[in-house]
Amino acid sequence: MKIKILLLLIGAYNLSTAQVSASSNKNIKLKSFWNFDVEKERTYPEFKSSSYISVAMELMSKEKRNFNEFELIKFKFYSNSGWEKNLSGMDLRLSYNYNFAIFKSFEKLKCFIGVGAEPYFVKISRDPLLSTDFNYGESDFGVDINMGPRCKFNLNDKLAFEAKVNLGMFNVNRSTVRYEKPTLPIADRRSSSTGFLIGGADRLYARASLGVNYQL
């Protein structure tokens, strides 16, 4: 009798665990985006643009209307050798967004407003091959505060298409420059500065993304 009760308890526990696991999986989505961004600061005359693929994970809130999104936007190392210098560096950008449903959703189409932060780190090193030049390095660490609309179109219970736009509202940046020129005093071979930029006035940053969602 005791063995039967024990087996029933184990079976009930396994069933409840499976139900909790399935329920939690319904709140998780994996995503992939194709992105195109543009950037321009007031002190630079030209626009900078790029396109790339990113991956993300979505966590649905308890009320099933709003959601959190964690995204790996960029992560790359690069190097380039020339006859005058060797260039190397890295580029890392992450993103967190909280997205609010802006009106009662249709069965297939849902629209949101997202607010979030994009921390980033960029580092560039130049090692000259000519004796007349000197080592140079630059690193930038900053955070973009952004917001923007997004829409989802659900094909079925598992798959959805998504489009979103992120607009930079505010940016804080810490930049460090290193120039190993022997004729410069040691204190002048490295300089740092902190910048605060307001979107629309000092800086334009926008990122448009198209992607697919897959619910676990």
Protein backbone atom coordinates (compact mmCIF):
# COMPACT_ATOMS: atom_id res chain seq x y z
CA MET A 1 0.00 0.00 0.00
CA LYS A 2 2.79 2.40 0.94
CA ILE A 3 4.55 1.66 -2.34
CA LYS A 4 1.39 2.47 -4.34
CA ILE A 5 0.96 5.79 -2.50
CA LEU A 6 4.62 6.62 -3.12
CA LEU A 7 4.28 5.86 -6.84
CA LEU A 8 1.14 8.03 -7.03
CA LEU A 9 2.95 10.94 -5.35
CA ILE A 10 5.92 10.62 -7.73
CA GLY A 11 3.57 10.54 -10.73
CA ALA A 12 1.67 13.60 -9.51
CA TYR A 13 4.93 15.48 -8.95
CA ASN A 14 6.23 14.65 -12.43
CA LEU A 15 2.93 15.74 -14.00
CA SER A 16 2.88 19.06 -12.13
CA THR A 17 6.53 19.72 -13.05
CA ALA A 18 5.81 19.05 -16.72
CA GLN A 19 2.80 21.37 -16.61
CA VAL A 20 4.85 24.18 -15.02
CA SER A 21 7.62 23.68 -17.57
CA ALA A 22 5.17 23.76 -20.48
CA SER A 23 3.47 26.84 -19.03
CA SER A 24 6.80 28.68 -18.64
CA ASN A 25 7.84 27.73 -22.19
CA LYS A 26 4.71 29.42 -23.51
CA ASN A 27 6.10 32.70 -22.16
CA ILE A 28 9.45 32.41 -23.99
CA LYS A 29 10.14 33.25 -27.64
CA LEU A 30 13.33 33.13 -29.65
CA LYS A 31 13.83 35.81 -32.30
CA SER A 32 16.07 36.76 -35.18
CA PHE A 33 16.13 40.21 -36.80
CA TRP A 34 17.57 41.80 -39.90
CA ASN A 35 18.56 45.33 -38.88
CA PHE A 36 19.41 48.56 -40.67
CA ASP A 37 20.63 51.52 -38.65
CA VAL A 38 21.72 55.10 -39.30
CA GLU A 39 23.65 57.43 -37.03
CA LYS A 40 24.79 61.04 -37.27
CA GLU A 41 26.18 63.42 -34.69
CA ARG A 42 25.96 67.16 -35.00
CA THR A 43 29.75 67.55 -35.16
CA TYR A 44 30.11 65.05 -38.05
CA PRO A 45 28.87 65.95 -41.54
CA GLU A 46 28.20 62.40 -42.79
CA PHE A 47 25.69 59.69 -41.90
CA LYS A 48 26.98 56.29 -40.80
CA SER A 49 24.86 53.27 -41.69
CA SER A 50 25.10 49.48 -41.42
CA SER A 51 23.02 46.32 -41.75
CA TYR A 52 23.38 43.08 -39.79
CA ILE A 53 21.60 40.12 -38.18
CA SER A 54 20.79 39.99 -34.46
CA VAL A 55 19.24 37.43 -32.10
CA ALA A 56 16.92 37.99 -29.14
CA MET A 57 14.80 36.33 -26.47
CA GLU A 58 11.35 37.47 -25.39
CA LEU A 59 9.84 36.91 -21.95
CA MET A 60 6.09 37.50 -21.69
CA SER A 61 4.78 39.26 -18.59
CA LYS A 62 2.32 37.56 -16.23
CA GLU A 63 -0.68 39.41 -17.64
CA LYS A 64 0.22 38.18 -21.18
CA ARG A 65 0.02 41.68 -22.70
CA ASN A 66 3.44 43.26 -22.26
CA PHE A 67 6.85 41.63 -22.66
CA ASN A 68 10.58 41.97 -22.00
CA GLU A 69 13.10 41.57 -24.80
CA PHE A 70 16.83 40.85 -24.43
CA GLU A 71 18.83 41.22 -27.65
CA LEU A 72 22.39 40.60 -28.75
CA ILE A 73 22.67 43.22 -31.48
CA LYS A 74 26.35 43.06 -32.39
CA PHE A 75 29.32 41.03 -31.25
CA LYS A 76 32.31 40.88 -33.55
CA PHE A 77 36.09 41.02 -33.64
CA TYR A 78 37.94 42.20 -36.70
CA SER A 79 41.44 42.79 -38.00
CA ASN A 80 42.80 44.30 -41.18
CA SER A 81 46.43 44.39 -42.30
CA GLY A 82 47.80 46.96 -44.73
CA TRP A 83 51.19 48.02 -45.94
CA GLU A 84 51.29 50.93 -43.48
CA LYS A 85 49.41 49.62 -40.42
CA ASN A 86 47.50 46.79 -38.78
CA LEU A 87 43.97 47.54 -37.57
CA SER A 88 42.09 45.45 -35.02
CA GLY A 89 39.10 45.94 -32.79
CA MET A 90 35.81 44.73 -31.40
CA ASP A 91 32.20 45.89 -31.49
CA LEU A 92 29.65 44.81 -28.85
CA ARG A 93 26.08 46.11 -28.52
CA LEU A 94 23.28 44.72 -26.36
CA SER A 95 19.67 45.78 -25.85
CA TYR A 96 16.91 45.52 -23.28
CA ASN A 97 13.37 46.68 -24.10
CA TYR A 98 10.11 46.62 -22.19
CA ASN A 99 7.15 46.71 -24.56
CA PHE A 100 3.65 47.96 -23.72
CA ALA A 101 0.55 46.96 -25.69
CA ILE A 102 -0.90 50.26 -26.95
CA PHE A 103 -4.45 49.12 -27.74
CA LYS A 104 -6.62 46.04 -27.66
CA SER A 105 -4.95 43.59 -30.00
CA PHE A 106 -6.53 41.81 -32.90
CA GLU A 107 -6.25 38.04 -33.12
CA LYS A 108 -3.37 38.15 -35.60
CA LEU A 109 -1.95 41.69 -35.28
CA LYS A 110 -0.51 43.17 -32.09
CA CYS A 111 1.12 46.60 -31.67
CA PHE A 112 3.42 47.86 -28.90
CA ILE A 113 5.51 50.80 -27.76
CA GLY A 114 8.95 49.80 -26.50
CA VAL A 115 11.26 51.66 -24.11
CA GLY A 116 14.76 50.43 -23.41
CA ALA A 117 18.52 50.79 -23.23
CA GLU A 118 21.33 49.73 -25.57
CA PRO A 119 24.74 49.51 -23.85
CA TYR A 120 27.69 49.26 -26.25
CA PHE A 121 31.47 48.99 -26.30
CA VAL A 122 33.70 49.69 -29.32
CA LYS A 123 37.48 49.40 -29.36
CA ILE A 124 39.92 50.14 -32.20
CA SER A 125 43.70 49.65 -32.19
CA ARG A 126 46.16 50.73 -34.88
CA ASP A 127 49.65 49.25 -34.90
CA PRO A 128 51.82 51.00 -37.53
CA LEU A 129 54.34 49.13 -39.66
CA LEU A 130 56.30 52.29 -40.45
CA SER A 131 58.86 53.62 -37.99
CA THR A 132 57.61 57.16 -38.56
CA ASP A 133 54.19 56.40 -37.10
CA PHE A 134 53.02 55.44 -33.62
CA ASN A 135 50.51 53.19 -31.91
CA TYR A 136 46.99 54.57 -31.63
CA GLY A 137 43.94 53.26 -29.85
CA GLU A 138 40.39 54.41 -29.17
CA SER A 139 37.60 52.93 -27.05
CA ASP A 140 34.01 54.04 -26.56
CA PHE A 141 31.60 52.84 -23.91
CA GLY A 142 28.09 54.21 -23.78
CA VAL A 143 24.37 53.66 -23.42
CA ASP A 144 21.56 54.67 -25.77
CA ILE A 145 18.14 55.24 -24.23
CA ASN A 146 15.54 54.63 -26.92
CA MET A 147 11.88 54.09 -27.64
CA GLY A 148 9.77 53.19 -30.64
CA PRO A 149 6.83 51.26 -32.08
CA ARG A 150 6.66 47.62 -33.09
CA CYS A 151 4.04 45.32 -34.59
CA LYS A 152 3.67 41.55 -34.60
CA PHE A 153 1.72 39.44 -37.06
CA ASN A 154 1.02 35.93 -35.78
CA LEU A 155 0.96 33.26 -38.48
CA ASN A 156 0.06 30.51 -35.99
CA ASP A 157 0.62 29.54 -32.35
CA LYS A 158 4.37 29.15 -32.86
CA LEU A 159 5.51 31.53 -35.62
CA ALA A 160 5.16 35.30 -36.02
CA PHE A 161 6.63 38.14 -38.08
CA GLU A 162 7.74 41.31 -36.32
CA ALA A 163 8.71 44.84 -37.38
CA LYS A 164 10.12 47.49 -35.04
CA VAL A 165 11.82 50.89 -35.03
CA ASN A 166 14.09 52.15 -32.23
CA LEU A 167 14.77 55.90 -32.01
CA GLY A 168 17.60 57.23 -29.84
CA MET A 169 16.28 59.65 -27.21
CA PHE A 170 19.41 60.16 -25.12
CA ASN A 171 23.03 58.98 -25.17
CA VAL A 172 25.84 59.03 -22.61
CA ASN A 173 29.31 58.08 -23.81
CA ARG A 174 32.78 57.71 -22.33
CA SER A 175 35.58 57.91 -24.91
CA THR A 176 39.29 57.22 -24.34
CA VAL A 177 42.04 57.93 -26.88
CA ARG A 178 45.61 56.65 -26.63
CA TYR A 179 48.45 57.97 -28.85
CA GLU A 180 51.94 56.63 -28.10
CA LYS A 181 53.99 59.46 -29.59
CA PRO A 182 57.36 59.71 -27.77
CA THR A 183 57.57 63.50 -28.12
CA LEU A 184 54.34 63.94 -26.15
CA PRO A 185 54.44 64.09 -22.35
CA ILE A 186 53.25 60.84 -20.79
CA ALA A 187 50.21 62.57 -19.32
CA ASP A 188 49.15 63.75 -22.80
CA ARG A 189 49.38 60.36 -24.48
CA ARG A 190 46.00 59.33 -23.11
CA SER A 191 42.85 61.46 -22.91
CA SER A 192 39.26 60.75 -21.89
CA SER A 193 36.00 62.60 -22.32
CA THR A 194 32.36 62.11 -21.41
CA GLY A 195 29.53 63.21 -23.66
CA PHE A 196 25.78 63.62 -23.22
CA LEU A 197 23.76 63.79 -26.43
CA ILE A 198 20.04 64.46 -26.84
CA GLY A 199 18.31 62.68 -29.71
CA GLY A 200 17.12 65.00 -32.46
CA ALA A 201 19.26 67.91 -31.31
CA ASP A 202 22.82 66.59 -30.92
CA ARG A 203 22.50 63.16 -32.48
CA LEU A 204 20.32 61.02 -34.72
CA TYR A 205 20.20 57.29 -34.12
CA ALA A 206 17.54 55.03 -35.62
CA ARG A 207 17.34 51.26 -36.10
CA ALA A 208 14.71 49.51 -38.21
CA SER A 209 14.29 45.75 -37.83
CA LEU A 210 12.37 42.93 -39.50
CA GLY A 211 12.31 39.54 -37.87
CA VAL A 212 10.68 36.24 -37.04
CA ASN A 213 9.54 34.89 -33.64
CA TYR A 214 9.42 31.27 -32.63
CA GLN A 215 7.60 30.28 -29.44
CA LEU A 216 9.14 27.43 -27.46
